[in-house]
Amino acid sequence: GKPSFLQAVPLIEYRPDAKATSLVLKRKGKDTEWKDP
């Protein structure tokens, strides 16, 4: 609670796993998968 020249900015740092990134389209009982990029 003391005066400061610094305003703390709490962050979350993370590393996305591009190999695990996916989008799957489900249509007519069929799956179509896309990956990075």
ModelCIF file with pLDDT and N, C-alpha, C, O atoms, coordinates in Angstrom:
data_MODEL
#
_entry.id   MODEL 
#
_entity.id                         1 
_entity.type                       polymer 
_entity.pdbx_number_of_molecules   1 
#
_entity_poly.entity_id                      1 
_entity_poly.type                           'polypeptide(L)' 
_entity_poly.nstd_linkage                   no 
_entity_poly.nstd_monomer                   no 
_entity_poly.pdbx_seq_one_letter_code       GKPSFLQAVPLIEYRPDAKATSLVLKRKGKDTEWKDP 
_entity_poly.pdbx_seq_one_letter_code_can   GKPSFLQAVPLIEYRPDAKATSLVLKRKGKDTEWKDP 
_entity_poly.pdbx_strand_id                 A 
#
loop_
_entity_poly_seq.entity_id 
_entity_poly_seq.num 
_entity_poly_seq.mon_id 
_entity_poly_seq.hetero 
1 1  GLY n 
1 2  LYS n 
1 3  PRO n 
1 4  SER n 
1 5  PHE n 
1 6  LEU n 
1 7  GLN n 
1 8  ALA n 
1 9  VAL n 
1 10 PRO n 
1 11 LEU n 
1 12 ILE n 
1 13 GLU n 
1 14 TYR n 
1 15 ARG n 
1 16 PRO n 
1 17 ASP n 
1 18 ALA n 
1 19 LYS n 
1 20 ALA n 
1 21 THR n 
1 22 SER n 
1 23 LEU n 
1 24 VAL n 
1 25 LEU n 
1 26 LYS n 
1 27 ARG n 
1 28 LYS n 
1 29 GLY n 
1 30 LYS n 
1 31 ASP n 
1 32 THR n 
1 33 GLU n 
1 34 TRP n 
1 35 LYS n 
1 36 ASP n 
1 37 PRO n 
#
_struct_asym.id          A 
_struct_asym.entity_id   1 
#
loop_
_ma_qa_metric.id 
_ma_qa_metric.mode 
_ma_qa_metric.name 
_ma_qa_metric.software_group_id 
_ma_qa_metric.type 
1 global pLDDT . pLDDT 
2 local  pLDDT . pLDDT 
#
_ma_qa_metric_global.metric_id      1 
_ma_qa_metric_global.metric_value   96.68 
_ma_qa_metric_global.model_id       1 
_ma_qa_metric_global.ordinal_id     1 
#
loop_
_ma_qa_metric_local.label_asym_id 
_ma_qa_metric_local.label_comp_id 
_ma_qa_metric_local.label_seq_id 
_ma_qa_metric_local.metric_id 
_ma_qa_metric_local.metric_value 
_ma_qa_metric_local.model_id 
_ma_qa_metric_local.ordinal_id 
A GLY 1  2 96.00 1 1  
A LYS 2  2 98.00 1 2  
A PRO 3  2 98.00 1 3  
A SER 4  2 98.00 1 4  
A PHE 5  2 98.00 1 5  
A LEU 6  2 98.00 1 6  
A GLN 7  2 98.00 1 7  
A ALA 8  2 98.00 1 8  
A VAL 9  2 98.00 1 9  
A PRO 10 2 98.00 1 10 
A LEU 11 2 98.00 1 11 
A ILE 12 2 98.00 1 12 
A GLU 13 2 98.00 1 13 
A TYR 14 2 98.00 1 14 
A ARG 15 2 97.00 1 15 
A PRO 16 2 96.00 1 16 
A ASP 17 2 95.00 1 17 
A ALA 18 2 92.00 1 18 
A LYS 19 2 94.00 1 19 
A ALA 20 2 95.00 1 20 
A THR 21 2 96.00 1 21 
A SER 22 2 98.00 1 22 
A LEU 23 2 98.00 1 23 
A VAL 24 2 98.00 1 24 
A LEU 25 2 98.00 1 25 
A LYS 26 2 97.00 1 26 
A ARG 27 2 97.00 1 27 
A LYS 28 2 94.00 1 28 
A GLY 29 2 93.00 1 29 
A LYS 30 2 96.00 1 30 
A ASP 31 2 97.00 1 31 
A THR 32 2 98.00 1 32 
A GLU 33 2 98.00 1 33 
A TRP 34 2 98.00 1 34 
A LYS 35 2 97.00 1 35 
A ASP 36 2 93.00 1 36 
A PRO 37 2 92.00 1 37 
#
loop_
_atom_site.group_PDB 
_atom_site.id 
_atom_site.type_symbol 
_atom_site.label_atom_id 
_atom_site.label_alt_id 
_atom_site.label_comp_id 
_atom_site.label_asym_id 
_atom_site.label_entity_id 
_atom_site.label_seq_id 
_atom_site.pdbx_PDB_ins_code 
_atom_site.Cartn_x 
_atom_site.Cartn_y 
_atom_site.Cartn_z 
_atom_site.occupancy 
_atom_site.B_iso_or_equiv 
_atom_site.pdbx_formal_charge 
_atom_site.auth_seq_id 
_atom_site.auth_comp_id 
_atom_site.auth_asym_id 
_atom_site.auth_atom_id 
_atom_site.pdbx_PDB_model_num 
ATOM 1   N N  . GLY A 1 1  ? 0.791   -1.225  0.000   1.00 96.00 ? 1  GLY A N  1 
ATOM 2   C CA . GLY A 1 1  ? 0.000   0.000   0.000   1.00 96.00 ? 1  GLY A CA 1 
ATOM 3   C C  . GLY A 1 1  ? 0.820   1.270   0.000   1.00 96.00 ? 1  GLY A C  1 
ATOM 4   O O  . GLY A 1 1  ? 0.274   2.353   0.214   1.00 96.00 ? 1  GLY A O  1 
ATOM 5   N N  . LYS A 1 2  ? 2.126   1.166   -0.237  1.00 98.00 ? 2  LYS A N  1 
ATOM 6   C CA . LYS A 1 2  ? 2.985   2.345   -0.252  1.00 98.00 ? 2  LYS A CA 1 
ATOM 7   C C  . LYS A 1 2  ? 3.064   2.913   -1.672  1.00 98.00 ? 2  LYS A C  1 
ATOM 8   O O  . LYS A 1 2  ? 2.943   2.172   -2.648  1.00 98.00 ? 2  LYS A O  1 
ATOM 9   N N  . PRO A 1 3  ? 3.269   4.246   -1.786  1.00 98.00 ? 3  PRO A N  1 
ATOM 10  C CA . PRO A 1 3  ? 3.395   4.845   -3.122  1.00 98.00 ? 3  PRO A CA 1 
ATOM 11  C C  . PRO A 1 3  ? 4.509   4.174   -3.926  1.00 98.00 ? 3  PRO A C  1 
ATOM 12  O O  . PRO A 1 3  ? 5.565   3.840   -3.388  1.00 98.00 ? 3  PRO A O  1 
ATOM 13  N N  . SER A 1 4  ? 4.256   3.985   -5.220  1.00 98.00 ? 4  SER A N  1 
ATOM 14  C CA . SER A 1 4  ? 5.217   3.291   -6.067  1.00 98.00 ? 4  SER A CA 1 
ATOM 15  C C  . SER A 1 4  ? 5.150   3.826   -7.494  1.00 98.00 ? 4  SER A C  1 
ATOM 16  O O  . SER A 1 4  ? 4.102   4.277   -7.955  1.00 98.00 ? 4  SER A O  1 
ATOM 17  N N  . PHE A 1 5  ? 6.287   3.767   -8.181  1.00 98.00 ? 5  PHE A N  1 
ATOM 18  C CA . PHE A 1 5  ? 6.316   4.093   -9.609  1.00 98.00 ? 5  PHE A CA 1 
ATOM 19  C C  . PHE A 1 5  ? 5.988   2.862   -10.457 1.00 98.00 ? 5  PHE A C  1 
ATOM 20  O O  . PHE A 1 5  ? 6.021   2.932   -11.686 1.00 98.00 ? 5  PHE A O  1 
ATOM 21  N N  . LEU A 1 6  ? 5.676   1.755   -9.820  1.00 98.00 ? 6  LEU A N  1 
ATOM 22  C CA . LEU A 1 6  ? 5.400   0.517   -10.547 1.00 98.00 ? 6  LEU A CA 1 
ATOM 23  C C  . LEU A 1 6  ? 3.984   0.024   -10.276 1.00 98.00 ? 6  LEU A C  1 
ATOM 24  O O  . LEU A 1 6  ? 3.590   -0.160  -9.125  1.00 98.00 ? 6  LEU A O  1 
ATOM 25  N N  . GLN A 1 7  ? 3.228   -0.187  -11.340 1.00 98.00 ? 7  GLN A N  1 
ATOM 26  C CA . GLN A 1 7  ? 1.926   -0.823  -11.245 1.00 98.00 ? 7  GLN A CA 1 
ATOM 27  C C  . GLN A 1 7  ? 2.092   -2.282  -11.657 1.00 98.00 ? 7  GLN A C  1 
ATOM 28  O O  . GLN A 1 7  ? 2.413   -2.570  -12.810 1.00 98.00 ? 7  GLN A O  1 
ATOM 29  N N  . ALA A 1 8  ? 1.876   -3.195  -10.726 1.00 98.00 ? 8  ALA A N  1 
ATOM 30  C CA . ALA A 1 8  ? 2.029   -4.623  -11.023 1.00 98.00 ? 8  ALA A CA 1 
ATOM 31  C C  . ALA A 1 8  ? 1.002   -5.061  -12.060 1.00 98.00 ? 8  ALA A C  1 
ATOM 32  O O  . ALA A 1 8  ? -0.176  -4.717  -11.966 1.00 98.00 ? 8  ALA A O  1 
ATOM 33  N N  . VAL A 1 9  ? 1.461   -5.825  -13.052 1.00 98.00 ? 9  VAL A N  1 
ATOM 34  C CA . VAL A 1 9  ? 0.590   -6.366  -14.104 1.00 98.00 ? 9  VAL A CA 1 
ATOM 35  C C  . VAL A 1 9  ? 0.714   -7.893  -14.061 1.00 98.00 ? 9  VAL A C  1 
ATOM 36  O O  . VAL A 1 9  ? 1.663   -8.439  -14.624 1.00 98.00 ? 9  VAL A O  1 
ATOM 37  N N  . PRO A 1 10 ? -0.222  -8.595  -13.405 1.00 98.00 ? 10 PRO A N  1 
ATOM 38  C CA . PRO A 1 10 ? -0.149  -10.063 -13.309 1.00 98.00 ? 10 PRO A CA 1 
ATOM 39  C C  . PRO A 1 10 ? -0.453  -10.710 -14.669 1.00 98.00 ? 10 PRO A C  1 
ATOM 40  O O  . PRO A 1 10 ? -1.458  -10.408 -15.312 1.00 98.00 ? 10 PRO A O  1 
ATOM 41  N N  . LEU A 1 11 ? 0.443   -11.602 -15.080 1.00 98.00 ? 11 LEU A N  1 
ATOM 42  C CA . LEU A 1 11 ? 0.313   -12.257 -16.383 1.00 98.00 ? 11 LEU A CA 1 
ATOM 43  C C  . LEU A 1 11 ? 0.319   -13.775 -16.240 1.00 98.00 ? 11 LEU A C  1 
ATOM 44  O O  . LEU A 1 11 ? 0.769   -14.331 -15.238 1.00 98.00 ? 11 LEU A O  1 
ATOM 45  N N  . ILE A 1 12 ? -0.194  -14.412 -17.268 1.00 98.00 ? 12 ILE A N  1 
ATOM 46  C CA . ILE A 1 12 ? -0.001  -15.847 -17.471 1.00 98.00 ? 12 ILE A CA 1 
ATOM 47  C C  . ILE A 1 12 ? 0.842   -15.999 -18.734 1.00 98.00 ? 12 ILE A C  1 
ATOM 48  O O  . ILE A 1 12 ? 0.468   -15.512 -19.801 1.00 98.00 ? 12 ILE A O  1 
ATOM 49  N N  . GLU A 1 13 ? 1.972   -16.670 -18.606 1.00 98.00 ? 13 GLU A N  1 
ATOM 50  C CA . GLU A 1 13 ? 2.812   -16.948 -19.767 1.00 98.00 ? 13 GLU A CA 1 
ATOM 51  C C  . GLU A 1 13 ? 2.662   -18.423 -20.119 1.00 98.00 ? 13 GLU A C  1 
ATOM 52  O O  . GLU A 1 13 ? 2.704   -19.284 -19.240 1.00 98.00 ? 13 GLU A O  1 
ATOM 53  N N  . TYR A 1 14 ? 2.488   -18.709 -21.392 1.00 98.00 ? 14 TYR A N  1 
ATOM 54  C CA . TYR A 1 14 ? 2.243   -20.094 -21.800 1.00 98.00 ? 14 TYR A CA 1 
ATOM 55  C C  . TYR A 1 14 ? 2.804   -20.333 -23.198 1.00 98.00 ? 14 TYR A C  1 
ATOM 56  O O  . TYR A 1 14 ? 2.989   -19.399 -23.979 1.00 98.00 ? 14 TYR A O  1 
ATOM 57  N N  . ARG A 1 15 ? 3.062   -21.574 -23.489 1.00 97.00 ? 15 ARG A N  1 
ATOM 58  C CA . ARG A 1 15 ? 3.578   -21.960 -24.801 1.00 97.00 ? 15 ARG A CA 1 
ATOM 59  C C  . ARG A 1 15 ? 2.556   -22.860 -25.503 1.00 97.00 ? 15 ARG A C  1 
ATOM 60  O O  . ARG A 1 15 ? 2.392   -24.020 -25.126 1.00 97.00 ? 15 ARG A O  1 
ATOM 61  N N  . PRO A 1 16 ? 1.873   -22.331 -26.519 1.00 96.00 ? 16 PRO A N  1 
ATOM 62  C CA . PRO A 1 16 ? 0.932   -23.178 -27.254 1.00 96.00 ? 16 PRO A CA 1 
ATOM 63  C C  . PRO A 1 16 ? 1.661   -24.326 -27.960 1.00 96.00 ? 16 PRO A C  1 
ATOM 64  O O  . PRO A 1 16 ? 2.744   -24.141 -28.516 1.00 96.00 ? 16 PRO A O  1 
ATOM 65  N N  . ASP A 1 17 ? 1.061   -25.492 -27.928 1.00 95.00 ? 17 ASP A N  1 
ATOM 66  C CA . ASP A 1 17 ? 1.599   -26.663 -28.608 1.00 95.00 ? 17 ASP A CA 1 
ATOM 67  C C  . ASP A 1 17 ? 0.948   -26.736 -29.987 1.00 95.00 ? 17 ASP A C  1 
ATOM 68  O O  . ASP A 1 17 ? -0.163  -27.244 -30.139 1.00 95.00 ? 17 ASP A O  1 
ATOM 69  N N  . ALA A 1 18 ? 1.664   -26.215 -30.992 1.00 92.00 ? 18 ALA A N  1 
ATOM 70  C CA . ALA A 1 18 ? 1.085   -26.127 -32.335 1.00 92.00 ? 18 ALA A CA 1 
ATOM 71  C C  . ALA A 1 18 ? 0.714   -27.506 -32.881 1.00 92.00 ? 18 ALA A C  1 
ATOM 72  O O  . ALA A 1 18 ? -0.255  -27.640 -33.629 1.00 92.00 ? 18 ALA A O  1 
ATOM 73  N N  . LYS A 1 19 ? 1.475   -28.517 -32.513 1.00 94.00 ? 19 LYS A N  1 
ATOM 74  C CA . LYS A 1 19 ? 1.188   -29.865 -33.018 1.00 94.00 ? 19 LYS A CA 1 
ATOM 75  C C  . LYS A 1 19 ? -0.124  -30.406 -32.473 1.00 94.00 ? 19 LYS A C  1 
ATOM 76  O O  . LYS A 1 19 ? -0.757  -31.254 -33.102 1.00 94.00 ? 19 LYS A O  1 
ATOM 77  N N  . ALA A 1 20 ? -0.537  -29.919 -31.301 1.00 95.00 ? 20 ALA A N  1 
ATOM 78  C CA . ALA A 1 20 ? -1.786  -30.398 -30.696 1.00 95.00 ? 20 ALA A CA 1 
ATOM 79  C C  . ALA A 1 20 ? -2.987  -29.539 -31.071 1.00 95.00 ? 20 ALA A C  1 
ATOM 80  O O  . ALA A 1 20 ? -4.122  -29.870 -30.727 1.00 95.00 ? 20 ALA A O  1 
ATOM 81  N N  . THR A 1 21 ? -2.741  -28.440 -31.773 1.00 96.00 ? 21 THR A N  1 
ATOM 82  C CA . THR A 1 21 ? -3.834  -27.562 -32.198 1.00 96.00 ? 21 THR A CA 1 
ATOM 83  C C  . THR A 1 21 ? -4.589  -28.210 -33.357 1.00 96.00 ? 21 THR A C  1 
ATOM 84  O O  . THR A 1 21 ? -3.988  -28.624 -34.349 1.00 96.00 ? 21 THR A O  1 
ATOM 85  N N  . SER A 1 22 ? -5.905  -28.290 -33.219 1.00 98.00 ? 22 SER A N  1 
ATOM 86  C CA . SER A 1 22 ? -6.678  -28.886 -34.310 1.00 98.00 ? 22 SER A CA 1 
ATOM 87  C C  . SER A 1 22 ? -8.110  -28.367 -34.304 1.00 98.00 ? 22 SER A C  1 
ATOM 88  O O  . SER A 1 22 ? -8.631  -27.906 -33.289 1.00 98.00 ? 22 SER A O  1 
ATOM 89  N N  . LEU A 1 23 ? -8.719  -28.461 -35.470 1.00 98.00 ? 23 LEU A N  1 
ATOM 90  C CA . LEU A 1 23 ? -10.134 -28.162 -35.641 1.00 98.00 ? 23 LEU A CA 1 
ATOM 91  C C  . LEU A 1 23 ? -10.734 -29.295 -36.458 1.00 98.00 ? 23 LEU A C  1 
ATOM 92  O O  . LEU A 1 23 ? -10.239 -29.618 -37.537 1.00 98.00 ? 23 LEU A O  1 
ATOM 93  N N  . VAL A 1 24 ? -11.805 -29.900 -35.942 1.00 98.00 ? 24 VAL A N  1 
ATOM 94  C CA . VAL A 1 24 ? -12.440 -31.031 -36.613 1.00 98.00 ? 24 VAL A CA 1 
ATOM 95  C C  . VAL A 1 24 ? -13.859 -30.645 -36.990 1.00 98.00 ? 24 VAL A C  1 
ATOM 96  O O  . VAL A 1 24 ? -14.658 -30.269 -36.133 1.00 98.00 ? 24 VAL A O  1 
ATOM 97  N N  . LEU A 1 25 ? -14.169 -30.739 -38.278 1.00 98.00 ? 25 LEU A N  1 
ATOM 98  C CA . LEU A 1 25 ? -15.522 -30.508 -38.774 1.00 98.00 ? 25 LEU A CA 1 
ATOM 99  C C  . LEU A 1 25 ? -16.281 -31.830 -38.772 1.00 98.00 ? 25 LEU A C  1 
ATOM 100 O O  . LEU A 1 25 ? -15.805 -32.837 -39.295 1.00 98.00 ? 25 LEU A O  1 
ATOM 101 N N  . LYS A 1 26 ? -17.482 -31.805 -38.166 1.00 97.00 ? 26 LYS A N  1 
ATOM 102 C CA . LYS A 1 26 ? -18.327 -32.994 -38.112 1.00 97.00 ? 26 LYS A CA 1 
ATOM 103 C C  . LYS A 1 26 ? -19.559 -32.734 -38.979 1.00 97.00 ? 26 LYS A C  1 
ATOM 104 O O  . LYS A 1 26 ? -20.374 -31.858 -38.687 1.00 97.00 ? 26 LYS A O  1 
ATOM 105 N N  . ARG A 1 27 ? -19.672 -33.520 -40.055 1.00 97.00 ? 27 ARG A N  1 
ATOM 106 C CA . ARG A 1 27 ? -20.778 -33.311 -40.993 1.00 97.00 ? 27 ARG A CA 1 
ATOM 107 C C  . ARG A 1 27 ? -21.088 -34.627 -41.701 1.00 97.00 ? 27 ARG A C  1 
ATOM 108 O O  . ARG A 1 27 ? -20.195 -35.311 -42.203 1.00 97.00 ? 27 ARG A O  1 
ATOM 109 N N  . LYS A 1 28 ? -22.369 -34.961 -41.727 1.00 94.00 ? 28 LYS A N  1 
ATOM 110 C CA . LYS A 1 28 ? -22.822 -36.185 -42.396 1.00 94.00 ? 28 LYS A CA 1 
ATOM 111 C C  . LYS A 1 28 ? -22.081 -37.422 -41.881 1.00 94.00 ? 28 LYS A C  1 
ATOM 112 O O  . LYS A 1 28 ? -21.745 -38.324 -42.649 1.00 94.00 ? 28 LYS A O  1 
ATOM 113 N N  . GLY A 1 29 ? -21.836 -37.447 -40.587 1.00 93.00 ? 29 GLY A N  1 
ATOM 114 C CA . GLY A 1 29 ? -21.180 -38.598 -39.985 1.00 93.00 ? 29 GLY A CA 1 
ATOM 115 C C  . GLY A 1 29 ? -19.703 -38.712 -40.302 1.00 93.00 ? 29 GLY A C  1 
ATOM 116 O O  . GLY A 1 29 ? -19.075 -39.720 -39.978 1.00 93.00 ? 29 GLY A O  1 
ATOM 117 N N  . LYS A 1 30 ? -19.140 -37.692 -40.930 1.00 96.00 ? 30 LYS A N  1 
ATOM 118 C CA . LYS A 1 30 ? -17.736 -37.731 -41.328 1.00 96.00 ? 30 LYS A CA 1 
ATOM 119 C C  . LYS A 1 30 ? -16.959 -36.628 -40.605 1.00 96.00 ? 30 LYS A C  1 
ATOM 120 O O  . LYS A 1 30 ? -17.478 -35.533 -40.392 1.00 96.00 ? 30 LYS A O  1 
ATOM 121 N N  . ASP A 1 31 ? -15.720 -36.926 -40.234 1.00 97.00 ? 31 ASP A N  1 
ATOM 122 C CA . ASP A 1 31 ? -14.853 -35.943 -39.589 1.00 97.00 ? 31 ASP A CA 1 
ATOM 123 C C  . ASP A 1 31 ? -13.780 -35.467 -40.566 1.00 97.00 ? 31 ASP A C  1 
ATOM 124 O O  . ASP A 1 31 ? -13.124 -36.271 -41.228 1.00 97.00 ? 31 ASP A O  1 
ATOM 125 N N  . THR A 1 32 ? -13.616 -34.160 -40.643 1.00 98.00 ? 32 THR A N  1 
ATOM 126 C CA . THR A 1 32 ? -12.522 -33.560 -41.416 1.00 98.00 ? 32 THR A CA 1 
ATOM 127 C C  . THR A 1 32 ? -11.661 -32.758 -40.454 1.00 98.00 ? 32 THR A C  1 
ATOM 128 O O  . THR A 1 32 ? -12.159 -31.861 -39.774 1.00 98.00 ? 32 THR A O  1 
ATOM 129 N N  . GLU A 1 33 ? -10.370 -33.074 -40.390 1.00 98.00 ? 33 GLU A N  1 
ATOM 130 C CA . GLU A 1 33 ? -9.497  -32.437 -39.413 1.00 98.00 ? 33 GLU A CA 1 
ATOM 131 C C  . GLU A 1 33 ? -8.492  -31.506 -40.089 1.00 98.00 ? 33 GLU A C  1 
ATOM 132 O O  . GLU A 1 33 ? -7.931  -31.828 -41.136 1.00 98.00 ? 33 GLU A O  1 
ATOM 133 N N  . TRP A 1 34 ? -8.276  -30.337 -39.464 1.00 98.00 ? 34 TRP A N  1 
ATOM 134 C CA . TRP A 1 34 ? -7.241  -29.405 -39.905 1.00 98.00 ? 34 TRP A CA 1 
ATOM 135 C C  . TRP A 1 34 ? -6.270  -29.141 -38.757 1.00 98.00 ? 34 TRP A C  1 
ATOM 136 O O  . TRP A 1 34 ? -6.651  -29.105 -37.587 1.00 98.00 ? 34 TRP A O  1 
ATOM 137 N N  . LYS A 1 35 ? -5.021  -28.961 -39.125 1.00 97.00 ? 35 LYS A N  1 
ATOM 138 C CA . LYS A 1 35 ? -3.976  -28.684 -38.148 1.00 97.00 ? 35 LYS A CA 1 
ATOM 139 C C  . LYS A 1 35 ? -3.260  -27.380 -38.524 1.00 97.00 ? 35 LYS A C  1 
ATOM 140 O O  . LYS A 1 35 ? -3.537  -26.781 -39.564 1.00 97.00 ? 35 LYS A O  1 
ATOM 141 N N  . ASP A 1 36 ? -2.350  -26.962 -37.669 1.00 93.00 ? 36 ASP A N  1 
ATOM 142 C CA . ASP A 1 36 ? -1.521  -25.792 -37.947 1.00 93.00 ? 36 ASP A CA 1 
ATOM 143 C C  . ASP A 1 36 ? -0.706  -26.035 -39.237 1.00 93.00 ? 36 ASP A C  1 
ATOM 144 O O  . ASP A 1 36 ? -0.151  -27.125 -39.376 1.00 93.00 ? 36 ASP A O  1 
ATOM 145 N N  . PRO A 1 37 ? -0.600  -25.081 -40.192 1.00 92.00 ? 37 PRO A N  1 
ATOM 146 C CA . PRO A 1 37 ? -1.005  -23.678 -40.087 1.00 92.00 ? 37 PRO A CA 1 
ATOM 147 C C  . PRO A 1 37 ? -2.387  -23.373 -40.657 1.00 92.00 ? 37 PRO A C  1 
ATOM 148 O O  . PRO A 1 37 ? -2.830  -22.225 -40.622 1.00 92.00 ? 37 PRO A O  1 
#
